[in-house]
Structures are given as structure tokens and as C-alpha cells.
Amino acid sequence: MDAEARLRVNENGRVVIPAAFRKALGINAGDEIVVRMVDDELRITTLKRRLERAQRLVRKHVKPGTSLVDELIAERREAARDE
């Protein structure tokens, strides 16, 4: 797949994302996407990809075998007991 494509913007400001790009990103009809400006560029991704990226970042800082969910539940229970 080419990593670049030239597209035309129609009179309503719409752009069609090429099928190969949609397939590579896992974008299907009706999916919600995230569009943001970064360094004067338009970046498009899916909510699923953003979540996966966030999870990878968190995993870098959490020891293997650690359950953040269990830690959160324990903290909440301790806070409830202290109330």
C-alpha cells in the first residue's frame, strides 16, 4: 500500500479516504474517527487505535502481572472504609 495519496476536496469540504487506507486503519462504514491537527498536518485515526496506543504507553510503566483494575478496586474500597 502506498503511504501517500493525492485527494480532491469537494465543494462541501469532503474528502474520500481511499479504500486501502480505510482497510489498513480498520475503518468501516459508520465508524467514528478522530481527526486532529498536528504540526500543520491532518491526522486521522480510529478510537480503537487511540485506545490501543494508550494501552501500550501504560504497559511501559506497569510491572508484568500487575492488575491496575484490582489496584483501583482496592483503593476505592479502602477510601470507602475511611469515609
PDB file of N, CA and C in Angstrom:
ATOM      1  N   MET A   1       0.849  -1.188   0.000  1.00  0.00           N
ATOM      2  CA  MET A   1       0.000   0.000   0.000  1.00  0.00           C
ATOM      3  C   MET A   1       0.883   1.236   0.000  1.00  0.00           C
ATOM      4  N   ASP A   2       0.534   2.212  -0.824  1.00  0.00           N
ATOM      5  CA  ASP A   2       1.238   3.487  -0.792  1.00  0.00           C
ATOM      6  C   ASP A   2       0.888   4.220   0.488  1.00  0.00           C
ATOM      7  N   ALA A   3       1.853   4.901   1.064  1.00  0.00           N
ATOM      8  CA  ALA A   3       1.627   5.636   2.305  1.00  0.00           C
ATOM      9  C   ALA A   3       1.156   7.050   2.027  1.00  0.00           C
ATOM     10  N   GLU A   4       0.943   7.377   0.762  1.00  0.00           N
ATOM     11  CA  GLU A   4       0.532   8.730   0.407  1.00  0.00           C
ATOM     12  C   GLU A   4      -0.445   8.663  -0.752  1.00  0.00           C
ATOM     13  N   ALA A   5      -1.394   9.589  -0.754  1.00  0.00           N
ATOM     14  CA  ALA A   5      -2.349   9.683  -1.863  1.00  0.00           C
ATOM     15  C   ALA A   5      -2.725  11.141  -2.038  1.00  0.00           C
ATOM     16  N   ARG A   6      -3.017  11.516  -3.257  1.00  0.00           N
ATOM     17  CA  ARG A   6      -3.492  12.868  -3.532  1.00  0.00           C
ATOM     18  C   ARG A   6      -5.002  12.793  -3.686  1.00  0.00           C
ATOM     19  N   LEU A   7      -5.705  13.658  -2.956  1.00  0.00           N
ATOM     20  CA  LEU A   7      -7.159  13.651  -2.957  1.00  0.00           C
ATOM     21  C   LEU A   7      -7.679  15.041  -3.304  1.00  0.00           C
ATOM     22  N   ARG A   8      -8.896  15.098  -3.765  1.00  0.00           N
ATOM     23  CA  ARG A   8      -9.548  16.385  -4.025  1.00  0.00           C
ATOM     24  C   ARG A   8     -10.629  16.613  -2.968  1.00  0.00           C
ATOM     25  N   VAL A   9     -10.727  17.851  -2.558  1.00  0.00           N
ATOM     26  CA  VAL A   9     -11.768  18.254  -1.613  1.00  0.00           C
ATOM     27  C   VAL A   9     -12.945  18.740  -2.451  1.00  0.00           C
ATOM     28  N   ASN A  10     -14.150  18.211  -2.165  1.00  0.00           N
ATOM     29  CA  ASN A  10     -15.304  18.642  -2.958  1.00  0.00           C
ATOM     30  C   ASN A  10     -15.842  19.971  -2.426  1.00  0.00           C
ATOM     31  N   GLU A  11     -16.890  20.463  -3.062  1.00  0.00           N
ATOM     32  CA  GLU A  11     -17.440  21.784  -2.706  1.00  0.00           C
ATOM     33  C   GLU A  11     -17.986  21.837  -1.278  1.00  0.00           C
ATOM     34  N   ASN A  12     -18.290  20.688  -0.696  1.00  0.00           N
ATOM     35  CA  ASN A  12     -18.773  20.648   0.684  1.00  0.00           C
ATOM     36  C   ASN A  12     -17.643  20.428   1.693  1.00  0.00           C
ATOM     37  N   GLY A  13     -16.394  20.401   1.215  1.00  0.00           N
ATOM     38  CA  GLY A  13     -15.256  20.184   2.101  1.00  0.00           C
ATOM     39  C   GLY A  13     -15.000  18.726   2.409  1.00  0.00           C
ATOM     40  N   ARG A  14     -15.605  17.840   1.661  1.00  0.00           N
ATOM     41  CA  ARG A  14     -15.466  16.403   1.908  1.00  0.00           C
ATOM     42  C   ARG A  14     -14.318  15.797   1.128  1.00  0.00           C
ATOM     43  N   VAL A  15     -13.724  14.767   1.737  1.00  0.00           N
ATOM     44  CA  VAL A  15     -12.643  14.016   1.122  1.00  0.00           C
ATOM     45  C   VAL A  15     -12.982  12.542   1.281  1.00  0.00           C
ATOM     46  N   VAL A  16     -12.726  11.745   0.242  1.00  0.00           N
ATOM     47  CA  VAL A  16     -12.948  10.303   0.324  1.00  0.00           C
ATOM     48  C   VAL A  16     -11.619   9.649   0.690  1.00  0.00           C
ATOM     49  N   ILE A  17     -11.613   8.901   1.790  1.00  0.00           N
ATOM     50  CA  ILE A  17     -10.413   8.172   2.206  1.00  0.00           C
ATOM     51  C   ILE A  17     -10.302   6.934   1.325  1.00  0.00           C
ATOM     52  N   PRO A  18      -9.174   6.758   0.640  1.00  0.00           N
ATOM     53  CA  PRO A  18      -9.032   5.593  -0.244  1.00  0.00           C
ATOM     54  C   PRO A  18      -9.255   4.269   0.497  1.00  0.00           C
ATOM     55  N   ALA A  19      -9.804   3.302  -0.222  1.00  0.00           N
ATOM     56  CA  ALA A  19     -10.151   2.003   0.369  1.00  0.00           C
ATOM     57  C   ALA A  19      -8.951   1.333   1.035  1.00  0.00           C
ATOM     58  N   ALA A  20      -7.774   1.400   0.426  1.00  0.00           N
ATOM     59  CA  ALA A  20      -6.587   0.759   1.008  1.00  0.00           C
ATOM     60  C   ALA A  20      -6.236   1.383   2.360  1.00  0.00           C
ATOM     61  N   PHE A  21      -6.420   2.698   2.482  1.00  0.00           N
ATOM     62  CA  PHE A  21      -6.141   3.378   3.742  1.00  0.00           C
ATOM     63  C   PHE A  21      -7.176   2.969   4.794  1.00  0.00           C
ATOM     64  N   ARG A  22      -8.467   2.945   4.383  1.00  0.00           N
ATOM     65  CA  ARG A  22      -9.518   2.534   5.322  1.00  0.00           C
ATOM     66  C   ARG A  22      -9.281   1.120   5.811  1.00  0.00           C
ATOM     67  N   LYS A  23      -8.891   0.234   4.898  1.00  0.00           N
ATOM     68  CA  LYS A  23      -8.640  -1.160   5.271  1.00  0.00           C
ATOM     69  C   LYS A  23      -7.470  -1.248   6.243  1.00  0.00           C
ATOM     70  N   ALA A  24      -6.381  -0.526   5.966  1.00  0.00           N
ATOM     71  CA  ALA A  24      -5.200  -0.557   6.831  1.00  0.00           C
ATOM     72  C   ALA A  24      -5.512  -0.034   8.233  1.00  0.00           C
ATOM     73  N   LEU A  25      -6.410   0.947   8.323  1.00  0.00           N
ATOM     74  CA  LEU A  25      -6.780   1.514   9.621  1.00  0.00           C
ATOM     75  C   LEU A  25      -7.949   0.789  10.272  1.00  0.00           C
ATOM     76  N   GLY A  26      -8.572  -0.130   9.552  1.00  0.00           N
ATOM     77  CA  GLY A  26      -9.723  -0.843  10.103  1.00  0.00           C
ATOM     78  C   GLY A  26     -10.964   0.022  10.178  1.00  0.00           C
ATOM     79  N   ILE A  27     -11.088   0.972   9.264  1.00  0.00           N
ATOM     80  CA  ILE A  27     -12.251   1.871   9.247  1.00  0.00           C
ATOM     81  C   ILE A  27     -13.331   1.264   8.368  1.00  0.00           C
ATOM     82  N   ASN A  28     -14.527   1.140   8.940  1.00  0.00           N
ATOM     83  CA  ASN A  28     -15.679   0.611   8.207  1.00  0.00           C
ATOM     84  C   ASN A  28     -16.761   1.673   8.131  1.00  0.00           C
ATOM     85  N   ALA A  29     -17.692   1.490   7.207  1.00  0.00           N
ATOM     86  CA  ALA A  29     -18.801   2.435   7.062  1.00  0.00           C
ATOM     87  C   ALA A  29     -19.514   2.612   8.401  1.00  0.00           C
ATOM     88  N   GLY A  30     -19.741   3.840   8.777  1.00  0.00           N
ATOM     89  CA  GLY A  30     -20.441   4.143  10.022  1.00  0.00           C
ATOM     90  C   GLY A  30     -19.533   4.276  11.237  1.00  0.00           C
ATOM     91  N   ASP A  31     -18.250   3.919  11.099  1.00  0.00           N
ATOM     92  CA  ASP A  31     -17.317   4.046  12.224  1.00  0.00           C
ATOM     93  C   ASP A  31     -17.063   5.510  12.544  1.00  0.00           C
ATOM     94  N   GLU A  32     -16.792   5.768  13.808  1.00  0.00           N
ATOM     95  CA  GLU A  32     -16.417   7.107  14.239  1.00  0.00           C
ATOM     96  C   GLU A  32     -14.894   7.206  14.181  1.00  0.00           C
ATOM     97  N   ILE A  33     -14.400   8.302  13.616  1.00  0.00           N
ATOM     98  CA  ILE A  33     -12.966   8.506  13.539  1.00  0.00           C
ATOM     99  C   ILE A  33     -12.586   9.761  14.304  1.00  0.00           C
ATOM    100  N   VAL A  34     -11.297   9.909  14.580  1.00  0.00           N
ATOM    101  CA  VAL A  34     -10.771  11.082  15.260  1.00  0.00           C
ATOM    102  C   VAL A  34      -9.864  11.802  14.265  1.00  0.00           C
ATOM    103  N   VAL A  35     -10.081  13.091  14.104  1.00  0.00           N
ATOM    104  CA  VAL A  35      -9.274  13.907  13.210  1.00  0.00           C
ATOM    105  C   VAL A  35      -8.661  15.016  14.058  1.00  0.00           C
ATOM    106  N   ARG A  36      -7.338  15.213  13.912  1.00  0.00           N
ATOM    107  CA  ARG A  36      -6.701  16.287  14.677  1.00  0.00           C
ATOM    108  C   ARG A  36      -5.569  16.899  13.867  1.00  0.00           C
ATOM    109  N   MET A  37      -5.248  18.132  14.235  1.00  0.00           N
ATOM    110  CA  MET A  37      -4.160  18.857  13.598  1.00  0.00           C
ATOM    111  C   MET A  37      -2.897  18.659  14.422  1.00  0.00           C
ATOM    112  N   VAL A  38      -1.806  18.262  13.756  1.00  0.00           N
ATOM    113  CA  VAL A  38      -0.504  18.098  14.404  1.00  0.00           C
ATOM    114  C   VAL A  38       0.533  18.692  13.456  1.00  0.00           C
ATOM    115  N   ASP A  39       1.225  19.720  13.926  1.00  0.00           N
ATOM    116  CA  ASP A  39       2.270  20.348  13.104  1.00  0.00           C
ATOM    117  C   ASP A  39       1.774  20.664  11.693  1.00  0.00           C
ATOM    118  N   ASP A  40       0.642  21.336  11.615  1.00  0.00           N
ATOM    119  CA  ASP A  40       0.051  21.736  10.326  1.00  0.00           C
ATOM    120  C   ASP A  40      -0.303  20.565   9.418  1.00  0.00           C
ATOM    121  N   GLU A  41      -0.524  19.388  10.006  1.00  0.00           N
ATOM    122  CA  GLU A  41      -0.962  18.226   9.247  1.00  0.00           C
ATOM    123  C   GLU A  41      -2.259  17.698   9.840  1.00  0.00           C
ATOM    124  N   LEU A  42      -3.075  17.113   9.015  1.00  0.00           N
ATOM    125  CA  LEU A  42      -4.319  16.498   9.451  1.00  0.00           C
ATOM    126  C   LEU A  42      -4.065  15.018   9.681  1.00  0.00           C
ATOM    127  N   ARG A  43      -4.349  14.551  10.878  1.00  0.00           N
ATOM    128  CA  ARG A  43      -4.148  13.132  11.202  1.00  0.00           C
ATOM    129  C   ARG A  43      -5.498  12.485  11.470  1.00  0.00           C
ATOM    130  N   ILE A  44      -5.673  11.308  10.900  1.00  0.00           N
ATOM    131  CA  ILE A  44      -6.928  10.579  11.037  1.00  0.00           C
ATOM    132  C   ILE A  44      -6.627   9.231  11.680  1.00  0.00           C
ATOM    133  N   THR A  45      -7.404   8.881  12.684  1.00  0.00           N
ATOM    134  CA  THR A  45      -7.273   7.572  13.318  1.00  0.00           C
ATOM    135  C   THR A  45      -8.635   7.141  13.844  1.00  0.00           C
ATOM    136  N   THR A  46      -8.696   5.949  14.378  1.00  0.00           N
ATOM    137  CA  THR A  46      -9.950   5.462  14.966  1.00  0.00           C
ATOM    138  C   THR A  46      -9.836   5.511  16.486  1.00  0.00           C
ATOM    139  N   LEU A  47     -10.969   5.482  17.139  1.00  0.00           N
ATOM    140  CA  LEU A  47     -10.969   5.451  18.607  1.00  0.00           C
ATOM    141  C   LEU A  47     -10.275   4.183  19.099  1.00  0.00           C
ATOM    142  N   LYS A  48     -10.493   3.084  18.378  1.00  0.00           N
ATOM    143  CA  LYS A  48      -9.867   1.811  18.761  1.00  0.00           C
ATOM    144  C   LYS A  48      -8.345   1.926  18.723  1.00  0.00           C
ATOM    145  N   ARG A  49      -7.800   2.532  17.675  1.00  0.00           N
ATOM    146  CA  ARG A  49      -6.342   2.691  17.562  1.00  0.00           C
ATOM    147  C   ARG A  49      -5.805   3.604  18.655  1.00  0.00           C
ATOM    148  N   ARG A  50      -6.546   4.655  18.985  1.00  0.00           N
ATOM    149  CA  ARG A  50      -6.098   5.555  20.055  1.00  0.00           C
ATOM    150  C   ARG A  50      -6.074   4.829  21.393  1.00  0.00           C
ATOM    151  N   LEU A  51      -7.081   3.995  21.637  1.00  0.00           N
ATOM    152  CA  LEU A  51      -7.115   3.220  22.873  1.00  0.00           C
ATOM    153  C   LEU A  51      -5.950   2.239  22.929  1.00  0.00           C
ATOM    154  N   GLU A  52      -5.682   1.560  21.812  1.00  0.00           N
ATOM    155  CA  GLU A  52      -4.554   0.627  21.765  1.00  0.00           C
ATOM    156  C   GLU A  52      -3.233   1.340  22.034  1.00  0.00           C
ATOM    157  N   ARG A  53      -3.067   2.540  21.478  1.00  0.00           N
ATOM    158  CA  ARG A  53      -1.842   3.315  21.696  1.00  0.00           C
ATOM    159  C   ARG A  53      -1.708   3.703  23.168  1.00  0.00           C
ATOM    160  N   ALA A  54      -2.803   4.123  23.773  1.00  0.00           N
ATOM    161  CA  ALA A  54      -2.775   4.487  25.191  1.00  0.00           C
ATOM    162  C   ALA A  54      -2.427   3.278  26.055  1.00  0.00           C
ATOM    163  N   GLN A  55      -2.989   2.117  25.726  1.00  0.00           N
ATOM    164  CA  GLN A  55      -2.689   0.907  26.492  1.00  0.00           C
ATOM    165  C   GLN A  55      -1.214   0.522  26.379  1.00  0.00           C
ATOM    166  N   ARG A  56      -0.636   0.666  25.188  1.00  0.00           N
ATOM    167  CA  ARG A  56       0.800   0.379  25.021  1.00  0.00           C
ATOM    168  C   ARG A  56       1.645   1.322  25.874  1.00  0.00           C
ATOM    169  N   LEU A  57       1.268   2.582  25.913  1.00  0.00           N
ATOM    170  CA  LEU A  57       2.016   3.552  26.721  1.00  0.00           C
ATOM    171  C   LEU A  57       1.944   3.208  28.206  1.00  0.00           C
ATOM    172  N   VAL A  58       0.770   2.821  28.680  1.00  0.00           N
ATOM    173  CA  VAL A  58       0.600   2.472  30.091  1.00  0.00           C
ATOM    174  C   VAL A  58       1.397   1.219  30.428  1.00  0.00           C
ATOM    175  N   ARG A  59       1.383   0.226  29.530  1.00  0.00           N
ATOM    176  CA  ARG A  59       2.106  -1.031  29.781  1.00  0.00           C
ATOM    177  C   ARG A  59       3.596  -0.808  30.011  1.00  0.00           C
ATOM    178  N   LYS A  60       4.161   0.232  29.421  1.00  0.00           N
ATOM    179  CA  LYS A  60       5.576   0.532  29.616  1.00  0.00           C
ATOM    180  C   LYS A  60       5.894   0.847  31.075  1.00  0.00           C
ATOM    181  N   HIS A  61       4.896   1.309  31.823  1.00  0.00           N
ATOM    182  CA  HIS A  61       5.107   1.780  33.190  1.00  0.00           C
ATOM    183  C   HIS A  61       4.505   0.876  34.256  1.00  0.00           C
ATOM    184  N   VAL A  62       3.949  -0.255  33.851  1.00  0.00           N
ATOM    185  CA  VAL A  62       3.308  -1.179  34.791  1.00  0.00           C
ATOM    186  C   VAL A  62       4.062  -2.501  34.770  1.00  0.00           C
ATOM    187  N   LYS A  63       4.386  -2.995  35.940  1.00  0.00           N
ATOM    188  CA  LYS A  63       5.113  -4.265  36.035  1.00  0.00           C
ATOM    189  C   LYS A  63       4.249  -5.411  35.514  1.00  0.00           C
ATOM    190  N   PRO A  64       4.862  -6.383  34.830  1.00  0.00           N
ATOM    191  CA  PRO A  64       4.102  -7.546  34.345  1.00  0.00           C
ATOM    192  C   PRO A  64       3.393  -8.248  35.503  1.00  0.00           C
ATOM    193  N   GLY A  65       2.172  -8.678  35.262  1.00  0.00           N
ATOM    194  CA  GLY A  65       1.400  -9.370  36.288  1.00  0.00           C
ATOM    195  C   GLY A  65       0.612  -8.438  37.193  1.00  0.00           C
ATOM    196  N   THR A  66       0.808  -7.120  37.043  1.00  0.00           N
ATOM    197  CA  THR A  66       0.086  -6.144  37.857  1.00  0.00           C
ATOM    198  C   THR A  66      -1.271  -5.869  37.225  1.00  0.00           C
ATOM    199  N   SER A  67      -2.308  -5.912  38.040  1.00  0.00           N
ATOM    200  CA  SER A  67      -3.648  -5.606  37.553  1.00  0.00           C
ATOM    201  C   SER A  67      -4.038  -4.217  38.057  1.00  0.00           C
ATOM    202  N   LEU A  68      -4.096  -3.256  37.155  1.00  0.00           N
ATOM    203  CA  LEU A  68      -4.491  -1.910  37.545  1.00  0.00           C
ATOM    204  C   LEU A  68      -5.937  -1.873  38.013  1.00  0.00           C
ATOM    205  N   VAL A  69      -6.755  -2.742  37.462  1.00  0.00           N
ATOM    206  CA  VAL A  69      -8.159  -2.814  37.883  1.00  0.00           C
ATOM    207  C   VAL A  69      -8.241  -3.257  39.339  1.00  0.00           C
ATOM    208  N   ASP A  70      -7.498  -4.315  39.690  1.00  0.00           N
ATOM    209  CA  ASP A  70      -7.510  -4.785  41.080  1.00  0.00           C
ATOM    210  C   ASP A  70      -6.978  -3.714  42.032  1.00  0.00           C
ATOM    211  N   GLU A  71      -5.932  -2.999  41.614  1.00  0.00           N
ATOM    212  CA  GLU A  71      -5.388  -1.924  42.451  1.00  0.00           C
ATOM    213  C   GLU A  71      -6.410  -0.817  42.648  1.00  0.00           C
ATOM    214  N   LEU A  72      -7.119  -0.447  41.591  1.00  0.00           N
ATOM    215  CA  LEU A  72      -8.131   0.600  41.685  1.00  0.00           C
ATOM    216  C   LEU A  72      -9.265   0.181  42.611  1.00  0.00           C
ATOM    217  N   ILE A  73      -9.732  -1.044  42.461  1.00  0.00           N
ATOM    218  CA  ILE A  73     -10.812  -1.537  43.326  1.00  0.00           C
ATOM    219  C   ILE A  73     -10.367  -1.532  44.776  1.00  0.00           C
ATOM    220  N   ALA A  74      -9.157  -1.970  45.053  1.00  0.00           N
ATOM    221  CA  ALA A  74      -8.641  -1.978  46.428  1.00  0.00           C
ATOM    222  C   ALA A  74      -8.567  -0.564  46.977  1.00  0.00           C
ATOM    223  N   GLU A  75      -8.090   0.374  46.181  1.00  0.00           N
ATOM    224  CA  GLU A  75      -8.012   1.769  46.630  1.00  0.00           C
ATOM    225  C   GLU A  75      -9.397   2.332  46.916  1.00  0.00           C
ATOM    226  N   ARG A  76     -10.351   2.034  46.061  1.00  0.00           N
ATOM    227  CA  ARG A  76     -11.724   2.539  46.254  1.00  0.00           C
ATOM    228  C   ARG A  76     -12.349   1.945  47.524  1.00  0.00           C
ATOM    229  N   ARG A  77     -12.101   0.649  47.758  1.00  0.00           N
ATOM    230  CA  ARG A  77     -12.650   0.015  48.958  1.00  0.00           C
ATOM    231  C   ARG A  77     -12.029   0.619  50.210  1.00  0.00           C
ATOM    232  N   GLU A  78     -10.726   0.887  50.153  1.00  0.00           N
ATOM    233  CA  GLU A  78     -10.048   1.489  51.294  1.00  0.00           C
ATOM    234  C   GLU A  78     -10.573   2.907  51.548  1.00  0.00           C
ATOM    235  N   ALA A  79     -10.788   3.662  50.486  1.00  0.00           N
ATOM    236  CA  ALA A  79     -11.333   5.015  50.628  1.00  0.00           C
ATOM    237  C   ALA A  79     -12.735   4.967  51.195  1.00  0.00           C
ATOM    238  N   ALA A  80     -13.546   3.980  50.776  1.00  0.00           N
ATOM    239  CA  ALA A  80     -14.913   3.857  51.288  1.00  0.00           C
ATOM    240  C   ALA A  80     -14.904   3.519  52.770  1.00  0.00           C
ATOM    241  N   ARG A  81     -13.955   2.683  53.195  1.00  0.00           N
ATOM    242  CA  ARG A  81     -13.859   2.339  54.628  1.00  0.00           C
ATOM    243  C   ARG A  81     -13.471   3.552  55.460  1.00  0.00           C
ATOM    244  N   ASP A  82     -12.666   4.428  54.899  1.00  0.00           N
ATOM    245  CA  ASP A  82     -12.191   5.618  55.620  1.00  0.00           C
ATOM    246  C   ASP A  82     -13.237   6.717  55.714  1.00  0.00           C
ATOM    247  N   GLU A  83     -14.299   6.623  54.958  1.00  0.00           N
ATOM    248  CA  GLU A  83     -15.339   7.670  54.980  1.00  0.00           C
ATOM    249  C   GLU A  83     -16.178   7.618  56.206  1.00  0.00           C
TER     250      GLU A  83
END
